[in-house]
Structure formats: structure tokens, C-alpha cells
Amino acid sequence: MYRFFPVSQSQALFALEFGLRARFPDRLPERYQRSQHQQPMLAGLLGYVVD
């Protein structure tokens, strides 16, 4: 019954992250982005959006 749930959940998160990366700058303030990552990750992007 729920065998496609993990696939659909991951696709929704990928789409959300892709959309936020397209909308916001390449580098976020240090508070939201770790220095070892080249691009902002989903957690940092969501924190930036909420704040």
C-alpha cells in the first residue's frame, strides 16, 4: 500500500531543495551554511527561509 511513499518523499525533497537553490544565492551566511559544502544544503536553506 505504501511502497511508493519513500520514493515520492525523496522526490518532493529533491524538488524543494532544487527550487530553493535556484531562488537563493550560491553562498548563504555562515550561520546557515557549513564551510565544507560548496552549495547550500536543504537544512541551511530551510533555516534561511524560515528566518
PDB file of N, CA and C in Angstrom:
ATOM      1  N   MET A   1       0.823  -1.198   0.000  1.00  0.00           N
ATOM      2  CA  MET A   1       0.000   0.000   0.000  1.00  0.00           C
ATOM      3  C   MET A   1       0.866   1.261   0.000  1.00  0.00           C
ATOM      4  N   TYR A   2       1.919   1.274   0.790  1.00  0.00           N
ATOM      5  CA  TYR A   2       2.754   2.463   0.891  1.00  0.00           C
ATOM      6  C   TYR A   2       4.123   2.263   0.256  1.00  0.00           C
ATOM      7  N   ARG A   3       4.247   1.405  -0.716  1.00  0.00           N
ATOM      8  CA  ARG A   3       5.572   1.100  -1.244  1.00  0.00           C
ATOM      9  C   ARG A   3       6.177   2.242  -2.041  1.00  0.00           C
ATOM     10  N   PHE A   4       5.392   3.183  -2.521  1.00  0.00           N
ATOM     11  CA  PHE A   4       5.931   4.317  -3.261  1.00  0.00           C
ATOM     12  C   PHE A   4       6.147   5.543  -2.383  1.00  0.00           C
ATOM     13  N   PHE A   5       5.802   5.446  -1.109  1.00  0.00           N
ATOM     14  CA  PHE A   5       5.956   6.594  -0.214  1.00  0.00           C
ATOM     15  C   PHE A   5       7.404   7.073  -0.108  1.00  0.00           C
ATOM     16  N   PRO A   6       8.398   6.204   0.125  1.00  0.00           N
ATOM     17  CA  PRO A   6       9.783   6.696   0.217  1.00  0.00           C
ATOM     18  C   PRO A   6      10.266   7.353  -1.073  1.00  0.00           C
ATOM     19  N   VAL A   7       9.853   6.818  -2.197  1.00  0.00           N
ATOM     20  CA  VAL A   7      10.253   7.400  -3.488  1.00  0.00           C
ATOM     21  C   VAL A   7       9.635   8.772  -3.665  1.00  0.00           C
ATOM     22  N   SER A   8       8.364   8.892  -3.386  1.00  0.00           N
ATOM     23  CA  SER A   8       7.687  10.183  -3.556  1.00  0.00           C
ATOM     24  C   SER A   8       8.192  11.211  -2.548  1.00  0.00           C
ATOM     25  N   GLN A   9       8.500  10.765  -1.338  1.00  0.00           N
ATOM     26  CA  GLN A   9       9.026  11.683  -0.330  1.00  0.00           C
ATOM     27  C   GLN A   9      10.396  12.218  -0.752  1.00  0.00           C
ATOM     28  N   SER A  10      11.260  11.362  -1.221  1.00  0.00           N
ATOM     29  CA  SER A  10      12.589  11.823  -1.629  1.00  0.00           C
ATOM     30  C   SER A  10      12.500  12.737  -2.844  1.00  0.00           C
ATOM     31  N   GLN A  11      11.620  12.447  -3.785  1.00  0.00           N
ATOM     32  CA  GLN A  11      11.459  13.314  -4.948  1.00  0.00           C
ATOM     33  C   GLN A  11      10.933  14.686  -4.553  1.00  0.00           C
ATOM     34  N   ALA A  12      10.025  14.730  -3.591  1.00  0.00           N
ATOM     35  CA  ALA A  12       9.497  16.013  -3.115  1.00  0.00           C
ATOM     36  C   ALA A  12      10.602  16.838  -2.450  1.00  0.00           C
ATOM     37  N   LEU A  13      11.447  16.186  -1.651  1.00  0.00           N
ATOM     38  CA  LEU A  13      12.547  16.908  -1.001  1.00  0.00           C
ATOM     39  C   LEU A  13      13.594  17.360  -2.010  1.00  0.00           C
ATOM     40  N   PHE A  14      13.874  16.537  -3.020  1.00  0.00           N
ATOM     41  CA  PHE A  14      14.805  16.948  -4.078  1.00  0.00           C
ATOM     42  C   PHE A  14      14.274  18.172  -4.815  1.00  0.00           C
ATOM     43  N   ALA A  15      12.989  18.165  -5.128  1.00  0.00           N
ATOM     44  CA  ALA A  15      12.384  19.290  -5.843  1.00  0.00           C
ATOM     45  C   ALA A  15      12.404  20.560  -4.989  1.00  0.00           C
ATOM     46  N   LEU A  16      12.133  20.419  -3.696  1.00  0.00           N
ATOM     47  CA  LEU A  16      12.171  21.564  -2.800  1.00  0.00           C
ATOM     48  C   LEU A  16      13.576  22.148  -2.726  1.00  0.00           C
ATOM     49  N   GLU A  17      14.581  21.296  -2.553  1.00  0.00           N
ATOM     50  CA  GLU A  17      15.960  21.766  -2.479  1.00  0.00           C
ATOM     51  C   GLU A  17      16.391  22.422  -3.791  1.00  0.00           C
ATOM     52  N   PHE A  18      16.032  21.842  -4.917  1.00  0.00           N
ATOM     53  CA  PHE A  18      16.387  22.412  -6.213  1.00  0.00           C
ATOM     54  C   PHE A  18      15.754  23.789  -6.396  1.00  0.00           C
ATOM     55  N   GLY A  19      14.491  23.914  -6.017  1.00  0.00           N
ATOM     56  CA  GLY A  19      13.808  25.204  -6.138  1.00  0.00           C
ATOM     57  C   GLY A  19      14.419  26.272  -5.244  1.00  0.00           C
ATOM     58  N   LEU A  20      14.779  25.898  -4.018  1.00  0.00           N
ATOM     59  CA  LEU A  20      15.393  26.865  -3.105  1.00  0.00           C
ATOM     60  C   LEU A  20      16.787  27.258  -3.579  1.00  0.00           C
ATOM     61  N   ARG A  21      17.535  26.308  -4.138  1.00  0.00           N
ATOM     62  CA  ARG A  21      18.863  26.642  -4.675  1.00  0.00           C
ATOM     63  C   ARG A  21      18.765  27.590  -5.858  1.00  0.00           C
ATOM     64  N   ALA A  22      17.723  27.431  -6.660  1.00  0.00           N
ATOM     65  CA  ALA A  22      17.534  28.317  -7.810  1.00  0.00           C
ATOM     66  C   ALA A  22      17.120  29.716  -7.364  1.00  0.00           C
ATOM     67  N   ARG A  23      16.429  29.802  -6.256  1.00  0.00           N
ATOM     68  CA  ARG A  23      15.889  31.084  -5.787  1.00  0.00           C
ATOM     69  C   ARG A  23      16.894  31.906  -4.990  1.00  0.00           C
ATOM     70  N   PHE A  24      17.745  31.258  -4.208  1.00  0.00           N
ATOM     71  CA  PHE A  24      18.642  31.962  -3.303  1.00  0.00           C
ATOM     72  C   PHE A  24      20.072  31.941  -3.809  1.00  0.00           C
ATOM     73  N   PRO A  25      20.931  32.781  -3.247  1.00  0.00           N
ATOM     74  CA  PRO A  25      22.303  32.904  -3.744  1.00  0.00           C
ATOM     75  C   PRO A  25      23.115  31.622  -3.544  1.00  0.00           C
ATOM     76  N   ASP A  26      24.286  31.593  -4.214  1.00  0.00           N
ATOM     77  CA  ASP A  26      25.156  30.416  -4.143  1.00  0.00           C
ATOM     78  C   ASP A  26      25.731  30.198  -2.757  1.00  0.00           C
ATOM     79  N   ARG A  27      26.004  31.258  -2.050  1.00  0.00           N
ATOM     80  CA  ARG A  27      26.550  31.148  -0.693  1.00  0.00           C
ATOM     81  C   ARG A  27      25.589  31.829   0.278  1.00  0.00           C
ATOM     82  N   LEU A  28      25.261  31.119   1.334  1.00  0.00           N
ATOM     83  CA  LEU A  28      24.435  31.681   2.396  1.00  0.00           C
ATOM     84  C   LEU A  28      25.357  32.222   3.481  1.00  0.00           C
ATOM     85  N   PRO A  29      24.837  33.030   4.395  1.00  0.00           N
ATOM     86  CA  PRO A  29      25.660  33.448   5.533  1.00  0.00           C
ATOM     87  C   PRO A  29      26.174  32.232   6.303  1.00  0.00           C
ATOM     88  N   GLU A  30      27.296  32.385   6.961  1.00  0.00           N
ATOM     89  CA  GLU A  30      27.957  31.276   7.659  1.00  0.00           C
ATOM     90  C   GLU A  30      27.049  30.581   8.667  1.00  0.00           C
ATOM     91  N   ARG A  31      26.105  31.299   9.193  1.00  0.00           N
ATOM     92  CA  ARG A  31      25.172  30.706  10.158  1.00  0.00           C
ATOM     93  C   ARG A  31      24.368  29.566   9.540  1.00  0.00           C
ATOM     94  N   TYR A  32      24.119  29.643   8.246  1.00  0.00           N
ATOM     95  CA  TYR A  32      23.253  28.676   7.571  1.00  0.00           C
ATOM     96  C   TYR A  32      23.998  27.665   6.708  1.00  0.00           C
ATOM     97  N   GLN A  33      25.262  27.916   6.420  1.00  0.00           N
ATOM     98  CA  GLN A  33      25.993  27.039   5.520  1.00  0.00           C
ATOM     99  C   GLN A  33      27.328  26.644   6.124  1.00  0.00           C
ATOM    100  N   ARG A  34      27.612  25.380   6.112  1.00  0.00           N
ATOM    101  CA  ARG A  34      28.896  24.900   6.613  1.00  0.00           C
ATOM    102  C   ARG A  34      29.977  25.174   5.579  1.00  0.00           C
ATOM    103  N   SER A  35      31.174  25.420   6.056  1.00  0.00           N
ATOM    104  CA  SER A  35      32.254  25.819   5.162  1.00  0.00           C
ATOM    105  C   SER A  35      32.696  24.703   4.228  1.00  0.00           C
ATOM    106  N   GLN A  36      32.513  23.434   4.587  1.00  0.00           N
ATOM    107  CA  GLN A  36      32.982  22.346   3.733  1.00  0.00           C
ATOM    108  C   GLN A  36      32.070  22.076   2.541  1.00  0.00           C
ATOM    109  N   HIS A  37      30.874  22.635   2.532  1.00  0.00           N
ATOM    110  CA  HIS A  37      29.950  22.421   1.419  1.00  0.00           C
ATOM    111  C   HIS A  37      30.103  23.521   0.374  1.00  0.00           C
ATOM    112  N   GLN A  38      30.142  23.103  -0.873  1.00  0.00           N
ATOM    113  CA  GLN A  38      30.239  24.068  -1.967  1.00  0.00           C
ATOM    114  C   GLN A  38      28.917  24.821  -2.167  1.00  0.00           C
ATOM    115  N   GLN A  39      27.813  24.087  -2.100  1.00  0.00           N
ATOM    116  CA  GLN A  39      26.492  24.668  -2.284  1.00  0.00           C
ATOM    117  C   GLN A  39      25.706  24.561  -0.986  1.00  0.00           C
ATOM    118  N   PRO A  40      24.726  25.430  -0.797  1.00  0.00           N
ATOM    119  CA  PRO A  40      23.894  25.311   0.395  1.00  0.00           C
ATOM    120  C   PRO A  40      23.093  24.008   0.362  1.00  0.00           C
ATOM    121  N   MET A  41      22.934  23.410   1.526  1.00  0.00           N
ATOM    122  CA  MET A  41      22.181  22.169   1.644  1.00  0.00           C
ATOM    123  C   MET A  41      20.761  22.488   2.114  1.00  0.00           C
ATOM    124  N   LEU A  42      19.892  21.493   2.073  1.00  0.00           N
ATOM    125  CA  LEU A  42      18.480  21.701   2.376  1.00  0.00           C
ATOM    126  C   LEU A  42      18.249  22.267   3.766  1.00  0.00           C
ATOM    127  N   ALA A  43      18.944  21.750   4.772  1.00  0.00           N
ATOM    128  CA  ALA A  43      18.732  22.237   6.135  1.00  0.00           C
ATOM    129  C   ALA A  43      19.087  23.718   6.262  1.00  0.00           C
ATOM    130  N   GLY A  44      20.191  24.128   5.674  1.00  0.00           N
ATOM    131  CA  GLY A  44      20.581  25.532   5.719  1.00  0.00           C
ATOM    132  C   GLY A  44      19.623  26.420   4.939  1.00  0.00           C
ATOM    133  N   LEU A  45      19.180  25.945   3.795  1.00  0.00           N
ATOM    134  CA  LEU A  45      18.226  26.717   3.000  1.00  0.00           C
ATOM    135  C   LEU A  45      16.901  26.898   3.729  1.00  0.00           C
ATOM    136  N   LEU A  46      16.422  25.837   4.362  1.00  0.00           N
ATOM    137  CA  LEU A  46      15.157  25.951   5.109  1.00  0.00           C
ATOM    138  C   LEU A  46      15.309  26.887   6.307  1.00  0.00           C
ATOM    139  N   GLY A  47      16.436  26.812   7.004  1.00  0.00           N
ATOM    140  CA  GLY A  47      16.670  27.743   8.114  1.00  0.00           C
ATOM    141  C   GLY A  47      16.709  29.180   7.643  1.00  0.00           C
ATOM    142  N   TYR A  48      17.328  29.415   6.500  1.00  0.00           N
ATOM    143  CA  TYR A  48      17.408  30.762   5.922  1.00  0.00           C
ATOM    144  C   TYR A  48      16.022  31.268   5.543  1.00  0.00           C
ATOM    145  N   VAL A  49      15.218  30.412   4.959  1.00  0.00           N
ATOM    146  CA  VAL A  49      13.864  30.796   4.547  1.00  0.00           C
ATOM    147  C   VAL A  49      12.994  31.112   5.753  1.00  0.00           C
ATOM    148  N   VAL A  50      13.080  30.284   6.781  1.00  0.00           N
ATOM    149  CA  VAL A  50      12.247  30.491   7.969  1.00  0.00           C
ATOM    150  C   VAL A  50      12.624  31.785   8.677  1.00  0.00           C
ATOM    151  N   ASP A  51      13.924  32.043   8.790  1.00  0.00           N
ATOM    152  CA  ASP A  51      14.361  33.282   9.449  1.00  0.00           C
ATOM    153  C   ASP A  51      14.080  34.483   8.587  1.00  0.00           C
TER     154      ASP A  51
END
